[in-house]
């Protein structure tokens, strides 16, 4: 991010559904909120391995459901 911060979207709130779109063929990462695409979040480095990791700021206040799809 070259030391720069910027808002990607309005903050998520209770009841919001967040989706992550990882396209390893193209090398992009994007997110959805409540079914609406929020746009490209990152270009990914080539020839890298990725490992899923999820961080929740309020432990015990979130519901987490994982669904992996291979188009």
N, C-alpha and C. Protein backbone atom coordinates (compact mmCIF):
# COMPACT_ATOMS: atom_id res chain seq x y z
N UNK A 1 0.81 -1.20 0.00
CA UNK A 1 0.00 0.00 0.00
C UNK A 1 0.85 1.26 0.00
N UNK A 2 2.15 1.09 -0.09
CA UNK A 2 3.07 2.22 -0.16
C UNK A 2 2.88 3.19 1.00
N UNK A 3 2.51 2.66 2.17
CA UNK A 3 2.35 3.51 3.35
C UNK A 3 1.09 4.35 3.35
N UNK A 4 0.19 4.11 2.41
CA UNK A 4 -1.04 4.89 2.31
C UNK A 4 -2.23 4.06 2.76
N UNK A 5 -3.16 4.67 3.47
CA UNK A 5 -4.40 4.03 3.87
C UNK A 5 -5.56 4.67 3.15
N UNK A 6 -6.55 3.85 2.80
CA UNK A 6 -7.78 4.39 2.23
C UNK A 6 -8.91 3.43 2.56
N UNK A 7 -10.12 3.96 2.65
CA UNK A 7 -11.29 3.13 2.92
C UNK A 7 -11.64 2.33 1.68
N UNK A 8 -11.91 1.06 1.87
CA UNK A 8 -12.31 0.18 0.76
C UNK A 8 -13.82 0.17 0.61
N UNK A 9 -14.51 0.26 1.75
CA UNK A 9 -15.96 0.20 1.77
C UNK A 9 -16.46 0.76 3.09
N UNK A 10 -17.75 0.95 3.19
CA UNK A 10 -18.33 1.26 4.49
C UNK A 10 -18.08 0.07 5.41
N UNK A 11 -17.90 0.29 6.70
CA UNK A 11 -17.67 -0.83 7.62
C UNK A 11 -18.85 -1.81 7.62
N UNK A 12 -18.54 -3.09 7.84
CA UNK A 12 -19.59 -4.10 7.97
C UNK A 12 -20.29 -3.91 9.31
N UNK A 13 -21.56 -4.27 9.34
CA UNK A 13 -22.33 -4.18 10.58
C UNK A 13 -23.05 -5.49 10.82
N UNK A 14 -23.68 -5.61 11.95
CA UNK A 14 -24.39 -6.83 12.30
C UNK A 14 -25.38 -7.21 11.20
N UNK A 15 -25.36 -8.46 10.79
CA UNK A 15 -26.27 -8.96 9.76
C UNK A 15 -25.70 -8.91 8.36
N UNK A 16 -24.62 -8.18 8.13
CA UNK A 16 -24.00 -8.13 6.80
C UNK A 16 -23.37 -9.48 6.46
N UNK A 17 -23.40 -9.82 5.18
CA UNK A 17 -22.76 -11.04 4.69
C UNK A 17 -21.61 -10.62 3.80
N UNK A 18 -20.40 -11.05 4.16
CA UNK A 18 -19.19 -10.68 3.43
C UNK A 18 -18.71 -11.89 2.64
N UNK A 19 -18.43 -11.68 1.37
CA UNK A 19 -17.88 -12.72 0.51
C UNK A 19 -16.51 -12.30 0.00
N UNK A 20 -15.64 -13.28 -0.23
CA UNK A 20 -14.30 -13.01 -0.75
C UNK A 20 -14.16 -13.73 -2.08
N UNK A 21 -13.63 -13.05 -3.07
CA UNK A 21 -13.43 -13.62 -4.39
C UNK A 21 -11.94 -13.62 -4.70
N UNK A 22 -11.34 -14.80 -4.70
CA UNK A 22 -9.92 -14.98 -4.97
C UNK A 22 -9.80 -15.66 -6.33
N UNK A 23 -9.24 -14.98 -7.30
CA UNK A 23 -9.06 -15.52 -8.65
C UNK A 23 -7.57 -15.73 -8.90
N UNK A 24 -7.12 -16.96 -8.73
CA UNK A 24 -5.69 -17.24 -8.89
C UNK A 24 -5.27 -17.29 -10.35
N UNK A 25 -6.22 -17.47 -11.27
CA UNK A 25 -5.89 -17.44 -12.70
C UNK A 25 -5.52 -16.04 -13.15
N UNK A 26 -6.25 -15.06 -12.66
CA UNK A 26 -6.02 -13.66 -13.04
C UNK A 26 -5.09 -12.97 -12.04
N UNK A 27 -5.12 -13.42 -10.77
CA UNK A 27 -4.28 -12.83 -9.73
C UNK A 27 -4.93 -11.65 -9.04
N UNK A 28 -6.23 -11.79 -8.73
CA UNK A 28 -6.94 -10.69 -8.07
C UNK A 28 -7.67 -11.18 -6.83
N UNK A 29 -7.94 -10.24 -5.94
CA UNK A 29 -8.72 -10.49 -4.73
C UNK A 29 -9.76 -9.39 -4.62
N UNK A 30 -11.00 -9.77 -4.43
CA UNK A 30 -12.08 -8.81 -4.27
C UNK A 30 -13.04 -9.28 -3.20
N UNK A 31 -13.95 -8.41 -2.82
CA UNK A 31 -14.92 -8.73 -1.77
C UNK A 31 -16.31 -8.31 -2.19
N UNK A 32 -17.30 -8.97 -1.58
CA UNK A 32 -18.70 -8.63 -1.76
C UNK A 32 -19.29 -8.35 -0.39
N UNK A 33 -20.27 -7.46 -0.33
CA UNK A 33 -21.02 -7.22 0.90
C UNK A 33 -22.49 -7.29 0.56
N UNK A 34 -23.19 -8.23 1.18
CA UNK A 34 -24.62 -8.43 0.94
C UNK A 34 -24.94 -8.62 -0.54
N UNK A 35 -24.08 -9.38 -1.23
CA UNK A 35 -24.30 -9.70 -2.63
C UNK A 35 -23.84 -8.64 -3.61
N UNK A 36 -23.32 -7.53 -3.15
CA UNK A 36 -22.86 -6.45 -4.03
C UNK A 36 -21.33 -6.46 -4.11
N UNK A 37 -20.81 -6.54 -5.34
CA UNK A 37 -19.36 -6.53 -5.53
C UNK A 37 -18.80 -5.17 -5.12
N UNK A 38 -17.77 -5.19 -4.29
CA UNK A 38 -17.16 -3.95 -3.81
C UNK A 38 -15.98 -3.51 -4.67
N UNK A 39 -15.61 -4.35 -5.62
CA UNK A 39 -14.51 -3.99 -6.52
C UNK A 39 -13.22 -4.70 -6.16
N UNK A 40 -12.24 -4.49 -6.98
CA UNK A 40 -10.93 -5.10 -6.81
C UNK A 40 -10.25 -4.54 -5.57
N UNK A 41 -9.78 -5.44 -4.71
CA UNK A 41 -9.09 -5.01 -3.49
C UNK A 41 -7.57 -5.07 -3.66
N UNK A 42 -7.08 -6.12 -4.33
CA UNK A 42 -5.64 -6.30 -4.47
C UNK A 42 -5.29 -7.05 -5.74
N UNK A 43 -4.14 -6.72 -6.32
CA UNK A 43 -3.48 -7.56 -7.32
C UNK A 43 -2.54 -8.45 -6.53
N UNK A 44 -2.50 -9.72 -6.84
CA UNK A 44 -1.72 -10.68 -6.06
C UNK A 44 -0.37 -10.95 -6.72
N UNK A 45 0.66 -11.22 -5.92
CA UNK A 45 1.96 -11.57 -6.48
C UNK A 45 1.88 -12.90 -7.23
N UNK A 46 2.58 -13.02 -8.33
CA UNK A 46 2.57 -14.26 -9.10
C UNK A 46 3.45 -15.31 -8.44
N UNK A 47 3.18 -16.56 -8.78
CA UNK A 47 3.95 -17.70 -8.29
C UNK A 47 4.04 -17.75 -6.77
N UNK A 48 2.92 -17.48 -6.09
CA UNK A 48 2.88 -17.50 -4.63
C UNK A 48 1.83 -18.51 -4.17
N UNK A 49 2.04 -19.07 -2.99
CA UNK A 49 1.04 -19.92 -2.36
C UNK A 49 0.21 -19.07 -1.41
N UNK A 50 -1.06 -19.41 -1.27
CA UNK A 50 -1.94 -18.68 -0.38
C UNK A 50 -2.58 -19.66 0.59
N UNK A 51 -2.74 -19.24 1.82
CA UNK A 51 -3.33 -20.06 2.86
C UNK A 51 -4.48 -19.27 3.49
N UNK A 52 -5.69 -19.88 3.55
CA UNK A 52 -6.83 -19.15 4.11
C UNK A 52 -6.61 -18.78 5.58
N UNK A 53 -7.00 -17.58 5.92
CA UNK A 53 -6.91 -17.10 7.30
C UNK A 53 -8.02 -16.08 7.51
N UNK A 54 -8.71 -16.19 8.61
CA UNK A 54 -9.81 -15.28 8.89
C UNK A 54 -9.60 -14.66 10.26
N UNK A 55 -9.80 -13.36 10.34
CA UNK A 55 -9.65 -12.64 11.59
C UNK A 55 -10.95 -11.92 11.92
N UNK A 56 -11.45 -12.13 13.12
CA UNK A 56 -12.67 -11.47 13.57
C UNK A 56 -12.32 -10.59 14.75
N UNK A 57 -12.75 -9.34 14.72
CA UNK A 57 -12.35 -8.41 15.77
C UNK A 57 -13.15 -8.57 17.06
N UNK A 58 -14.35 -9.13 16.99
CA UNK A 58 -15.17 -9.31 18.18
C UNK A 58 -15.49 -10.78 18.35
N UNK A 59 -14.59 -11.52 18.98
CA UNK A 59 -14.75 -12.95 19.17
C UNK A 59 -16.08 -13.25 19.87
N UNK A 60 -16.81 -14.20 19.29
CA UNK A 60 -18.08 -14.59 19.89
C UNK A 60 -19.26 -13.80 19.37
N UNK A 61 -19.03 -12.79 18.53
CA UNK A 61 -20.12 -11.96 18.03
C UNK A 61 -20.33 -12.13 16.54
N UNK A 62 -19.67 -13.11 15.94
CA UNK A 62 -19.76 -13.30 14.49
C UNK A 62 -20.08 -14.75 14.17
N UNK A 63 -20.74 -14.94 13.05
CA UNK A 63 -20.99 -16.28 12.52
C UNK A 63 -20.15 -16.42 11.27
N UNK A 64 -19.40 -17.49 11.20
CA UNK A 64 -18.48 -17.71 10.09
C UNK A 64 -18.88 -18.98 9.35
N UNK A 65 -19.13 -18.86 8.05
CA UNK A 65 -19.44 -20.01 7.21
C UNK A 65 -18.50 -19.97 6.02
N UNK A 66 -17.81 -21.08 5.77
CA UNK A 66 -16.87 -21.14 4.65
C UNK A 66 -17.45 -21.99 3.53
N UNK A 67 -17.28 -21.53 2.29
CA UNK A 67 -17.72 -22.26 1.12
C UNK A 67 -16.66 -22.07 0.05
N UNK A 68 -15.99 -23.13 -0.31
CA UNK A 68 -14.95 -23.06 -1.35
C UNK A 68 -15.54 -23.61 -2.64
N UNK A 69 -15.43 -22.84 -3.72
CA UNK A 69 -15.95 -23.26 -5.01
C UNK A 69 -14.84 -23.23 -6.04
N UNK A 70 -14.87 -24.20 -6.92
CA UNK A 70 -13.93 -24.25 -8.03
C UNK A 70 -14.72 -24.15 -9.32
N UNK A 71 -14.72 -22.98 -9.95
CA UNK A 71 -15.58 -22.80 -11.15
C UNK A 71 -15.19 -23.70 -12.30
